[in-house]
All heavy atoms as atom14 arrays in JSON, in Angstrom:
{
  "sequence": "IESLSELYYQFWNENSDIQKMKSKLTLLHNNEAYIFLCAIENEKLI",
  "atom14_mask": [
    [1, 1, 1, 1, 1, 1, 1, 1, 0, 0, 0, 0, 0, 0],
    [1, 1, 1, 1, 1, 1, 1, 1, 1, 0, 0, 0, 0, 0],
    [1, 1, 1, 1, 1, 1, 0, 0, 0, 0, 0, 0, 0, 0],
    [1, 1, 1, 1, 1, 1, 1, 1, 0, 0, 0, 0, 0, 0],
    [1, 1, 1, 1, 1, 1, 0, 0, 0, 0, 0, 0, 0, 0],
    [1, 1, 1, 1, 1, 1, 1, 1, 1, 0, 0, 0, 0, 0],
    [1, 1, 1, 1, 1, 1, 1, 1, 0, 0, 0, 0, 0, 0],
    [1, 1, 1, 1, 1, 1, 1, 1, 1, 1, 1, 1, 0, 0],
    [1, 1, 1, 1, 1, 1, 1, 1, 1, 1, 1, 1, 0, 0],
    [1, 1, 1, 1, 1, 1, 1, 1, 1, 0, 0, 0, 0, 0],
    [1, 1, 1, 1, 1, 1, 1, 1, 1, 1, 1, 0, 0, 0],
    [1, 1, 1, 1, 1, 1, 1, 1, 1, 1, 1, 1, 1, 1],
    [1, 1, 1, 1, 1, 1, 1, 1, 0, 0, 0, 0, 0, 0],
    [1, 1, 1, 1, 1, 1, 1, 1, 1, 0, 0, 0, 0, 0],
    [1, 1, 1, 1, 1, 1, 1, 1, 0, 0, 0, 0, 0, 0],
    [1, 1, 1, 1, 1, 1, 0, 0, 0, 0, 0, 0, 0, 0],
    [1, 1, 1, 1, 1, 1, 1, 1, 0, 0, 0, 0, 0, 0],
    [1, 1, 1, 1, 1, 1, 1, 1, 0, 0, 0, 0, 0, 0],
    [1, 1, 1, 1, 1, 1, 1, 1, 1, 0, 0, 0, 0, 0],
    [1, 1, 1, 1, 1, 1, 1, 1, 1, 0, 0, 0, 0, 0],
    [1, 1, 1, 1, 1, 1, 1, 1, 0, 0, 0, 0, 0, 0],
    [1, 1, 1, 1, 1, 1, 1, 1, 1, 0, 0, 0, 0, 0],
    [1, 1, 1, 1, 1, 1, 0, 0, 0, 0, 0, 0, 0, 0],
    [1, 1, 1, 1, 1, 1, 1, 1, 1, 0, 0, 0, 0, 0],
    [1, 1, 1, 1, 1, 1, 1, 1, 0, 0, 0, 0, 0, 0],
    [1, 1, 1, 1, 1, 1, 1, 0, 0, 0, 0, 0, 0, 0],
    [1, 1, 1, 1, 1, 1, 1, 1, 0, 0, 0, 0, 0, 0],
    [1, 1, 1, 1, 1, 1, 1, 1, 0, 0, 0, 0, 0, 0],
    [1, 1, 1, 1, 1, 1, 1, 1, 1, 1, 0, 0, 0, 0],
    [1, 1, 1, 1, 1, 1, 1, 1, 0, 0, 0, 0, 0, 0],
    [1, 1, 1, 1, 1, 1, 1, 1, 0, 0, 0, 0, 0, 0],
    [1, 1, 1, 1, 1, 1, 1, 1, 1, 0, 0, 0, 0, 0],
    [1, 1, 1, 1, 1, 0, 0, 0, 0, 0, 0, 0, 0, 0],
    [1, 1, 1, 1, 1, 1, 1, 1, 1, 1, 1, 1, 0, 0],
    [1, 1, 1, 1, 1, 1, 1, 1, 0, 0, 0, 0, 0, 0],
    [1, 1, 1, 1, 1, 1, 1, 1, 1, 1, 1, 0, 0, 0],
    [1, 1, 1, 1, 1, 1, 1, 1, 0, 0, 0, 0, 0, 0],
    [1, 1, 1, 1, 1, 1, 0, 0, 0, 0, 0, 0, 0, 0],
    [1, 1, 1, 1, 1, 0, 0, 0, 0, 0, 0, 0, 0, 0],
    [1, 1, 1, 1, 1, 1, 1, 1, 0, 0, 0, 0, 0, 0],
    [1, 1, 1, 1, 1, 1, 1, 1, 1, 0, 0, 0, 0, 0],
    [1, 1, 1, 1, 1, 1, 1, 1, 0, 0, 0, 0, 0, 0],
    [1, 1, 1, 1, 1, 1, 1, 1, 1, 0, 0, 0, 0, 0],
    [1, 1, 1, 1, 1, 1, 1, 1, 1, 0, 0, 0, 0, 0],
    [1, 1, 1, 1, 1, 1, 1, 1, 0, 0, 0, 0, 0, 0],
    [1, 1, 1, 1, 1, 1, 1, 1, 0, 0, 0, 0, 0, 0]
  ],
  "atom14_positions": [
    [[-4.2, -1.24, -2.36], [-3.29, -2.13, -1.62], [-2.69, -3.24, -2.49], [-1.49, -3.52, -2.39], [-3.98, -2.72, -0.38], [-4.19, -1.61, 0.66], [-3.21, -3.88, 0.21], [-2.9, -1.02, 1.22], [0.0, 0.0, 0.0], [0.0, 0.0, 0.0], [0.0, 0.0, 0.0], [0.0, 0.0, 0.0], [0.0, 0.0, 0.0], [0.0, 0.0, 0.0]],
    [[-3.47, -3.87, -3.33], [-2.9, -4.94, -4.15], [-1.81, -4.42, -5.08], [-0.75, -5.03, -5.22], [-4.0, -5.67, -4.93], [-4.86, -6.52, -4.0], [-5.87, -7.37, -4.75], [-5.53, -7.89, -5.82], [-6.98, -7.52, -4.22], [0.0, 0.0, 0.0], [0.0, 0.0, 0.0], [0.0, 0.0, 0.0], [0.0, 0.0, 0.0], [0.0, 0.0, 0.0]],
    [[-2.03, -3.26, -5.68], [-1.01, -2.66, -6.54], [0.21, -2.24, -5.73], [1.35, -2.39, -6.17], [-1.59, -1.44, -7.27], [-2.61, -1.84, -8.14], [0.0, 0.0, 0.0], [0.0, 0.0, 0.0], [0.0, 0.0, 0.0], [0.0, 0.0, 0.0], [0.0, 0.0, 0.0], [0.0, 0.0, 0.0], [0.0, 0.0, 0.0], [0.0, 0.0, 0.0]],
    [[-0.02, -1.71, -4.53], [1.1, -1.33, -3.67], [1.92, -2.56, -3.29], [3.15, -2.51, -3.28], [0.59, -0.63, -2.41], [1.66, -0.18, -1.42], [2.6, 0.82, -2.06], [1.01, 0.4, -0.17], [0.0, 0.0, 0.0], [0.0, 0.0, 0.0], [0.0, 0.0, 0.0], [0.0, 0.0, 0.0], [0.0, 0.0, 0.0], [0.0, 0.0, 0.0]],
    [[1.25, -3.66, -3.02], [1.95, -4.9, -2.7], [2.88, -5.31, -3.84], [3.99, -5.78, -3.62], [0.94, -6.01, -2.41], [1.58, -7.24, -2.25], [0.0, 0.0, 0.0], [0.0, 0.0, 0.0], [0.0, 0.0, 0.0], [0.0, 0.0, 0.0], [0.0, 0.0, 0.0], [0.0, 0.0, 0.0], [0.0, 0.0, 0.0], [0.0, 0.0, 0.0]],
    [[2.42, -5.13, -5.08], [3.25, -5.45, -6.24], [4.48, -4.54, -6.31], [5.58, -5.01, -6.65], [2.43, -5.33, -7.53], [1.35, -6.39, -7.63], [0.38, -6.15, -8.79], [0.68, -5.31, -9.66], [-0.67, -6.8, -8.81], [0.0, 0.0, 0.0], [0.0, 0.0, 0.0], [0.0, 0.0, 0.0], [0.0, 0.0, 0.0], [0.0, 0.0, 0.0]],
    [[4.33, -3.26, -5.98], [5.48, -2.35, -5.95], [6.47, -2.76, -4.87], [7.68, -2.78, -5.09], [5.05, -0.91, -5.72], [4.37, -0.17, -6.86], [4.13, 1.29, -6.47], [5.19, -0.24, -8.13], [0.0, 0.0, 0.0], [0.0, 0.0, 0.0], [0.0, 0.0, 0.0], [0.0, 0.0, 0.0], [0.0, 0.0, 0.0], [0.0, 0.0, 0.0]],
    [[5.95, -3.09, -3.7], [6.83, -3.54, -2.61], [7.57, -4.81, -3.01], [8.74, -4.98, -2.68], [6.02, -3.79, -1.33], [5.55, -2.55, -0.61], [4.58, -2.64, 0.38], [6.07, -1.29, -0.87], [4.15, -1.53, 1.07], [5.64, -0.17, -0.19], [4.67, -0.29, 0.78], [4.24, 0.82, 1.48], [0.0, 0.0, 0.0], [0.0, 0.0, 0.0]],
    [[6.9, -5.69, -3.73], [7.56, -6.93, -4.17], [8.75, -6.6, -5.09], [9.8, -7.24, -5.01], [6.58, -7.86, -4.88], [7.2, -9.19, -5.21], [7.25, -10.2, -4.27], [7.78, -9.42, -6.47], [7.84, -11.42, -4.55], [8.38, -10.63, -6.76], [8.41, -11.63, -5.8], [9.01, -12.82, -6.08], [0.0, 0.0, 0.0], [0.0, 0.0, 0.0]],
    [[8.58, -5.61, -5.97], [9.68, -5.21, -6.85], [10.91, -4.82, -6.03], [12.03, -5.11, -6.43], [9.29, -3.99, -7.69], [8.39, -4.27, -8.83], [8.1, -2.99, -9.62], [8.78, -1.97, -9.49], [7.08, -3.05, -10.45], [0.0, 0.0, 0.0], [0.0, 0.0, 0.0], [0.0, 0.0, 0.0], [0.0, 0.0, 0.0], [0.0, 0.0, 0.0]],
    [[10.69, -4.16, -4.92], [11.81, -3.67, -4.13], [12.35, -4.7, -3.14], [13.54, -4.94, -3.08], [11.4, -2.4, -3.37], [12.54, -1.77, -2.62], [13.52, -1.07, -3.3], [12.65, -1.92, -1.26], [14.58, -0.51, -2.63], [13.71, -1.37, -0.58], [14.68, -0.65, -1.26], [0.0, 0.0, 0.0], [0.0, 0.0, 0.0], [0.0, 0.0, 0.0]],
    [[11.46, -5.29, -2.34], [11.9, -6.2, -1.29], [11.91, -7.67, -1.7], [12.39, -8.52, -0.95], [11.06, -6.02, -0.03], [11.41, -4.74, 0.69], [12.55, -4.49, 1.38], [10.62, -3.57, 0.79], [12.51, -3.22, 1.9], [11.34, -2.63, 1.54], [9.37, -3.22, 0.28], [10.86, -1.37, 1.83], [8.89, -1.96, 0.57], [9.63, -1.05, 1.33]],
    [[11.31, -8.0, -2.84], [11.28, -9.36, -3.35], [10.67, -10.35, -2.36], [11.15, -11.47, -2.21], [12.7, -9.8, -3.77], [12.65, -10.97, -4.72], [11.7, -11.12, -5.48], [13.67, -11.81, -4.69], [0.0, 0.0, 0.0], [0.0, 0.0, 0.0], [0.0, 0.0, 0.0], [0.0, 0.0, 0.0], [0.0, 0.0, 0.0], [0.0, 0.0, 0.0]],
    [[9.64, -9.89, -1.68], [8.89, -10.8, -0.8], [7.42, -10.42, -0.86], [7.06, -9.26, -1.06], [9.41, -10.76, 0.64], [9.32, -9.42, 1.31], [9.95, -9.44, 2.7], [11.18, -9.47, 2.8], [9.18, -9.41, 3.67], [0.0, 0.0, 0.0], [0.0, 0.0, 0.0], [0.0, 0.0, 0.0], [0.0, 0.0, 0.0], [0.0, 0.0, 0.0]],
    [[6.58, -11.43, -0.72], [5.14, -11.2, -0.79], [4.63, -10.56, 0.49], [5.18, -10.78, 1.57], [4.4, -12.53, -1.02], [4.66, -13.08, -2.4], [4.61, -12.34, -3.37], [4.95, -14.36, -2.48], [0.0, 0.0, 0.0], [0.0, 0.0, 0.0], [0.0, 0.0, 0.0], [0.0, 0.0, 0.0], [0.0, 0.0, 0.0], [0.0, 0.0, 0.0]],
    [[3.58, -9.77, 0.33], [2.92, -9.15, 1.47], [1.55, -9.79, 1.66], [0.94, -10.27, 0.71], [2.72, -7.65, 1.21], [3.96, -6.99, 1.1], [0.0, 0.0, 0.0], [0.0, 0.0, 0.0], [0.0, 0.0, 0.0], [0.0, 0.0, 0.0], [0.0, 0.0, 0.0], [0.0, 0.0, 0.0], [0.0, 0.0, 0.0], [0.0, 0.0, 0.0]],
    [[1.08, -9.77, 2.88], [-0.25, -10.27, 3.21], [-1.26, -9.15, 2.92], [-1.35, -8.18, 3.68], [-0.28, -10.69, 4.68], [-1.6, -11.32, 5.08], [-2.67, -10.83, 4.65], [-1.56, -12.29, 5.85], [0.0, 0.0, 0.0], [0.0, 0.0, 0.0], [0.0, 0.0, 0.0], [0.0, 0.0, 0.0], [0.0, 0.0, 0.0], [0.0, 0.0, 0.0]],
    [[-2.0, -9.28, 1.83], [-2.91, -8.24, 1.37], [-3.95, -7.9, 2.44], [-4.23, -6.72, 2.7], [-3.63, -8.66, 0.06], [-2.61, -8.97, -1.05], [-4.63, -7.6, -0.38], [-1.79, -7.81, -1.51], [0.0, 0.0, 0.0], [0.0, 0.0, 0.0], [0.0, 0.0, 0.0], [0.0, 0.0, 0.0], [0.0, 0.0, 0.0], [0.0, 0.0, 0.0]],
    [[-4.52, -8.9, 3.08], [-5.55, -8.64, 4.09], [-4.97, -7.88, 5.28], [-5.61, -6.96, 5.81], [-6.22, -9.93, 4.55], [-7.18, -10.51, 3.53], [-8.15, -9.49, 2.97], [-8.14, -9.2, 1.78], [-9.0, -8.91, 3.8], [0.0, 0.0, 0.0], [0.0, 0.0, 0.0], [0.0, 0.0, 0.0], [0.0, 0.0, 0.0], [0.0, 0.0, 0.0]],
    [[-3.76, -8.25, 5.71], [-3.12, -7.52, 6.81], [-2.82, -6.09, 6.4], [-2.97, -5.16, 7.2], [-1.84, -8.23, 7.25], [-2.09, -9.44, 8.12], [-0.78, -10.0, 8.63], [-1.04, -11.22, 9.52], [0.22, -11.81, 10.01], [0.0, 0.0, 0.0], [0.0, 0.0, 0.0], [0.0, 0.0, 0.0], [0.0, 0.0, 0.0], [0.0, 0.0, 0.0]],
    [[-2.38, -5.91, 5.16], [-2.11, -4.55, 4.68], [-3.38, -3.7, 4.69], [-3.36, -2.55, 5.11], [-1.52, -4.59, 3.26], [-0.11, -5.12, 3.17], [0.47, -5.23, 1.45], [0.7, -3.49, 1.04], [0.0, 0.0, 0.0], [0.0, 0.0, 0.0], [0.0, 0.0, 0.0], [0.0, 0.0, 0.0], [0.0, 0.0, 0.0], [0.0, 0.0, 0.0]],
    [[-4.48, -4.28, 4.23], [-5.76, -3.55, 4.22], [-6.21, -3.21, 5.63], [-6.66, -2.09, 5.9], [-6.83, -4.36, 3.49], [-6.65, -4.4, 1.99], [-7.75, -5.2, 1.31], [-7.57, -5.17, -0.21], [-8.64, -5.88, -0.92], [0.0, 0.0, 0.0], [0.0, 0.0, 0.0], [0.0, 0.0, 0.0], [0.0, 0.0, 0.0], [0.0, 0.0, 0.0]],
    [[-6.08, -4.16, 6.53], [-6.47, -3.92, 7.93], [-5.6, -2.83, 8.55], [-6.1, -1.94, 9.25], [-6.35, -5.2, 8.76], [-7.26, -6.15, 8.33], [0.0, 0.0, 0.0], [0.0, 0.0, 0.0], [0.0, 0.0, 0.0], [0.0, 0.0, 0.0], [0.0, 0.0, 0.0], [0.0, 0.0, 0.0], [0.0, 0.0, 0.0], [0.0, 0.0, 0.0]],
    [[-4.31, -2.9, 8.29], [-3.39, -1.91, 8.86], [-3.66, -0.52, 8.3], [-3.68, 0.47, 9.04], [-1.94, -2.32, 8.61], [-0.93, -1.45, 9.29], [-1.03, -1.5, 10.8], [-0.49, -2.79, 11.33], [-0.3, -2.81, 12.79], [0.0, 0.0, 0.0], [0.0, 0.0, 0.0], [0.0, 0.0, 0.0], [0.0, 0.0, 0.0], [0.0, 0.0, 0.0]],
    [[-3.88, -0.43, 6.98], [-4.16, 0.87, 6.38], [-5.47, 1.45, 6.93], [-5.55, 2.64, 7.22], [-4.2, 0.79, 4.86], [-4.41, 2.13, 4.15], [-3.29, 3.12, 4.47], [-4.51, 1.93, 2.64], [0.0, 0.0, 0.0], [0.0, 0.0, 0.0], [0.0, 0.0, 0.0], [0.0, 0.0, 0.0], [0.0, 0.0, 0.0], [0.0, 0.0, 0.0]],
    [[-6.48, 0.6, 7.09], [-7.74, 1.06, 7.67], [-7.51, 1.63, 9.06], [-8.01, 2.72, 9.39], [-8.75, -0.11, 7.74], [-9.0, -0.58, 6.4], [-10.06, 0.32, 8.37], [0.0, 0.0, 0.0], [0.0, 0.0, 0.0], [0.0, 0.0, 0.0], [0.0, 0.0, 0.0], [0.0, 0.0, 0.0], [0.0, 0.0, 0.0], [0.0, 0.0, 0.0]],
    [[-6.74, 0.94, 9.87], [-6.43, 1.41, 11.22], [-5.64, 2.73, 11.18], [-5.97, 3.68, 11.89], [-5.63, 0.34, 11.96], [-5.15, 0.69, 13.35], [-6.33, 0.73, 14.32], [-4.11, -0.32, 13.82], [0.0, 0.0, 0.0], [0.0, 0.0, 0.0], [0.0, 0.0, 0.0], [0.0, 0.0, 0.0], [0.0, 0.0, 0.0], [0.0, 0.0, 0.0]],
    [[-4.63, 2.79, 10.34], [-3.76, 3.96, 10.31], [-4.4, 5.18, 9.65], [-4.01, 6.32, 9.93], [-2.43, 3.62, 9.65], [-1.58, 2.61, 10.42], [-0.32, 2.27, 9.64], [-1.25, 3.12, 11.81], [0.0, 0.0, 0.0], [0.0, 0.0, 0.0], [0.0, 0.0, 0.0], [0.0, 0.0, 0.0], [0.0, 0.0, 0.0], [0.0, 0.0, 0.0]],
    [[-5.38, 4.96, 8.8], [-6.11, 6.1, 8.21], [-6.78, 6.92, 9.3], [-7.03, 8.11, 9.12], [-7.16, 5.61, 7.21], [-6.68, 5.63, 5.8], [-7.41, 5.09, 4.78], [-5.55, 6.11, 5.22], [-6.76, 5.23, 3.64], [-5.63, 5.85, 3.89], [0.0, 0.0, 0.0], [0.0, 0.0, 0.0], [0.0, 0.0, 0.0], [0.0, 0.0, 0.0]],
    [[-7.1, 6.3, 10.43], [-7.73, 7.0, 11.54], [-6.72, 7.7, 12.45], [-7.11, 8.33, 13.42], [-8.59, 6.03, 12.37], [-9.76, 5.51, 11.57], [-10.37, 6.24, 10.81], [-10.06, 4.23, 11.72], [0.0, 0.0, 0.0], [0.0, 0.0, 0.0], [0.0, 0.0, 0.0], [0.0, 0.0, 0.0], [0.0, 0.0, 0.0], [0.0, 0.0, 0.0]],
    [[-5.44, 7.56, 12.16], [-4.38, 8.17, 12.96], [-3.8, 9.34, 12.16], [-3.16, 9.14, 11.14], [-3.3, 7.12, 13.26], [-2.23, 7.64, 14.17], [-1.94, 8.83, 14.22], [-1.6, 6.72, 14.89], [0.0, 0.0, 0.0], [0.0, 0.0, 0.0], [0.0, 0.0, 0.0], [0.0, 0.0, 0.0], [0.0, 0.0, 0.0], [0.0, 0.0, 0.0]],
    [[-4.01, 10.56, 12.64], [-3.58, 11.75, 11.91], [-2.07, 11.87, 11.77], [-1.58, 12.69, 10.99], [-4.16, 13.0, 12.56], [-5.65, 13.11, 12.41], [-6.2, 14.39, 13.01], [-5.41, 15.3, 13.35], [-7.42, 14.48, 13.12], [0.0, 0.0, 0.0], [0.0, 0.0, 0.0], [0.0, 0.0, 0.0], [0.0, 0.0, 0.0], [0.0, 0.0, 0.0]],
    [[-1.32, 11.07, 12.5], [0.15, 11.13, 12.41], [0.67, 10.51, 11.11], [1.8, 10.76, 10.72], [0.78, 10.43, 13.62], [0.0, 0.0, 0.0], [0.0, 0.0, 0.0], [0.0, 0.0, 0.0], [0.0, 0.0, 0.0], [0.0, 0.0, 0.0], [0.0, 0.0, 0.0], [0.0, 0.0, 0.0], [0.0, 0.0, 0.0], [0.0, 0.0, 0.0]],
    [[-0.15, 9.71, 10.45], [0.29, 9.01, 9.24], [-0.21, 9.69, 7.98], [-1.37, 10.07, 7.89], [-0.19, 7.55, 9.25], [0.58, 6.7, 10.21], [0.23, 6.66, 11.56], [1.67, 5.95, 9.8], [0.95, 5.89, 12.47], [2.4, 5.18, 10.69], [2.03, 5.16, 12.02], [2.74, 4.4, 12.9], [0.0, 0.0, 0.0], [0.0, 0.0, 0.0]],
    [[0.68, 9.79, 7.01], [0.34, 10.32, 5.69], [0.74, 9.25, 4.68], [1.9, 8.84, 4.63], [1.11, 11.62, 5.39], [0.84, 12.68, 6.46], [0.76, 12.14, 3.99], [1.79, 13.86, 6.4], [0.0, 0.0, 0.0], [0.0, 0.0, 0.0], [0.0, 0.0, 0.0], [0.0, 0.0, 0.0], [0.0, 0.0, 0.0], [0.0, 0.0, 0.0]],
    [[-0.22, 8.78, 3.91], [0.04, 7.79, 2.86], [-0.31, 8.41, 1.52], [-1.46, 8.78, 1.29], [-0.82, 6.54, 3.06], [-0.49, 5.76, 4.29], [-1.2, 5.97, 5.45], [0.52, 4.82, 4.28], [-0.9, 5.26, 6.6], [0.82, 4.1, 5.42], [0.11, 4.31, 6.58], [0.0, 0.0, 0.0], [0.0, 0.0, 0.0], [0.0, 0.0, 0.0]],
    [[0.67, 8.54, 0.65], [0.44, 9.13, -0.66], [0.77, 8.11, -1.75], [1.59, 7.21, -1.54], [1.33, 10.36, -0.86], [1.13, 11.51, 0.1], [2.15, 12.61, -0.18], [-0.28, 12.06, 0.02], [0.0, 0.0, 0.0], [0.0, 0.0, 0.0], [0.0, 0.0, 0.0], [0.0, 0.0, 0.0], [0.0, 0.0, 0.0], [0.0, 0.0, 0.0]],
    [[0.15, 8.31, -2.9], [0.5, 7.47, -4.05], [0.47, 8.32, -5.31], [-0.17, 9.37, -5.37], [-0.42, 6.26, -4.16], [-2.14, 6.64, -4.47], [0.0, 0.0, 0.0], [0.0, 0.0, 0.0], [0.0, 0.0, 0.0], [0.0, 0.0, 0.0], [0.0, 0.0, 0.0], [0.0, 0.0, 0.0], [0.0, 0.0, 0.0], [0.0, 0.0, 0.0]],
    [[1.18, 7.84, -6.31], [1.2, 8.46, -7.64], [0.44, 7.53, -8.58], [0.68, 6.32, -8.58], [2.63, 8.64, -8.12], [0.0, 0.0, 0.0], [0.0, 0.0, 0.0], [0.0, 0.0, 0.0], [0.0, 0.0, 0.0], [0.0, 0.0, 0.0], [0.0, 0.0, 0.0], [0.0, 0.0, 0.0], [0.0, 0.0, 0.0], [0.0, 0.0, 0.0]],
    [[-0.47, 8.12, -9.34], [-1.3, 7.36, -10.26], [-1.12, 7.92, -11.66], [-1.16, 9.14, -11.85], [-2.8, 7.45, -9.87], [-3.03, 7.01, -8.43], [-3.67, 6.68, -10.86], [-2.86, 5.54, -8.18], [0.0, 0.0, 0.0], [0.0, 0.0, 0.0], [0.0, 0.0, 0.0], [0.0, 0.0, 0.0], [0.0, 0.0, 0.0], [0.0, 0.0, 0.0]],
    [[-0.92, 7.03, -12.63], [-0.87, 7.45, -14.03], [-1.61, 6.41, -14.84], [-1.38, 5.21, -14.69], [0.58, 7.57, -14.5], [0.67, 8.2, -15.88], [2.09, 8.57, -16.23], [2.91, 7.65, -16.45], [2.38, 9.77, -16.26], [0.0, 0.0, 0.0], [0.0, 0.0, 0.0], [0.0, 0.0, 0.0], [0.0, 0.0, 0.0], [0.0, 0.0, 0.0]],
    [[-2.52, 6.89, -15.69], [-3.35, 6.0, -16.5], [-4.03, 4.94, -15.63], [-4.05, 3.76, -15.96], [-2.52, 5.33, -17.61], [-1.94, 6.34, -18.57], [-2.57, 7.34, -18.89], [-0.72, 6.09, -19.01], [0.0, 0.0, 0.0], [0.0, 0.0, 0.0], [0.0, 0.0, 0.0], [0.0, 0.0, 0.0], [0.0, 0.0, 0.0], [0.0, 0.0, 0.0]],
    [[-4.54, 5.4, -14.49], [-5.27, 4.55, -13.54], [-4.42, 3.45, -12.92], [-4.95, 2.47, -12.4], [-6.53, 3.98, -14.19], [-7.5, 5.07, -14.65], [-8.77, 4.52, -15.25], [-9.18, 3.39, -14.89], [-9.37, 5.23, -16.07], [0.0, 0.0, 0.0], [0.0, 0.0, 0.0], [0.0, 0.0, 0.0], [0.0, 0.0, 0.0], [0.0, 0.0, 0.0]],
    [[-3.1, 3.6, -12.98], [-2.2, 2.6, -12.41], [-1.36, 3.24, -11.31], [-0.81, 4.34, -11.5], [-1.29, 2.03, -13.5], [-0.35, 0.96, -13.0], [0.55, 0.43, -14.09], [1.48, -0.61, -13.49], [2.63, -0.88, -14.3], [0.0, 0.0, 0.0], [0.0, 0.0, 0.0], [0.0, 0.0, 0.0], [0.0, 0.0, 0.0], [0.0, 0.0, 0.0]],
    [[-1.21, 2.54, -10.19], [-0.37, 3.01, -9.11], [1.09, 2.8, -9.51], [1.5, 1.69, -9.83], [-0.68, 2.23, -7.82], [-0.01, 2.79, -6.58], [-1.01, 2.83, -5.43], [1.18, 1.97, -6.19], [0.0, 0.0, 0.0], [0.0, 0.0, 0.0], [0.0, 0.0, 0.0], [0.0, 0.0, 0.0], [0.0, 0.0, 0.0], [0.0, 0.0, 0.0]],
    [[1.86, 3.91, -9.53], [3.25, 3.83, -9.98], [4.25, 4.26, -8.91], [5.46, 4.19, -9.13], [3.46, 4.64, -11.27], [3.04, 6.09, -11.09], [2.74, 3.97, -12.44], [3.37, 7.0, -12.27], [0.0, 0.0, 0.0], [0.0, 0.0, 0.0], [0.0, 0.0, 0.0], [0.0, 0.0, 0.0], [0.0, 0.0, 0.0], [0.0, 0.0, 0.0]]
  ]
}
């Protein structure tokens, strides 16, 4: 989530609430309608 927040900042130029993001992702992970994917290279979210 912290790395994702940094990517979102690059695009939207606004800070995200890390704790809210973590809570929301935890909630949505239990909902089969949502698919969250990421690309990782050299242990970095890109």
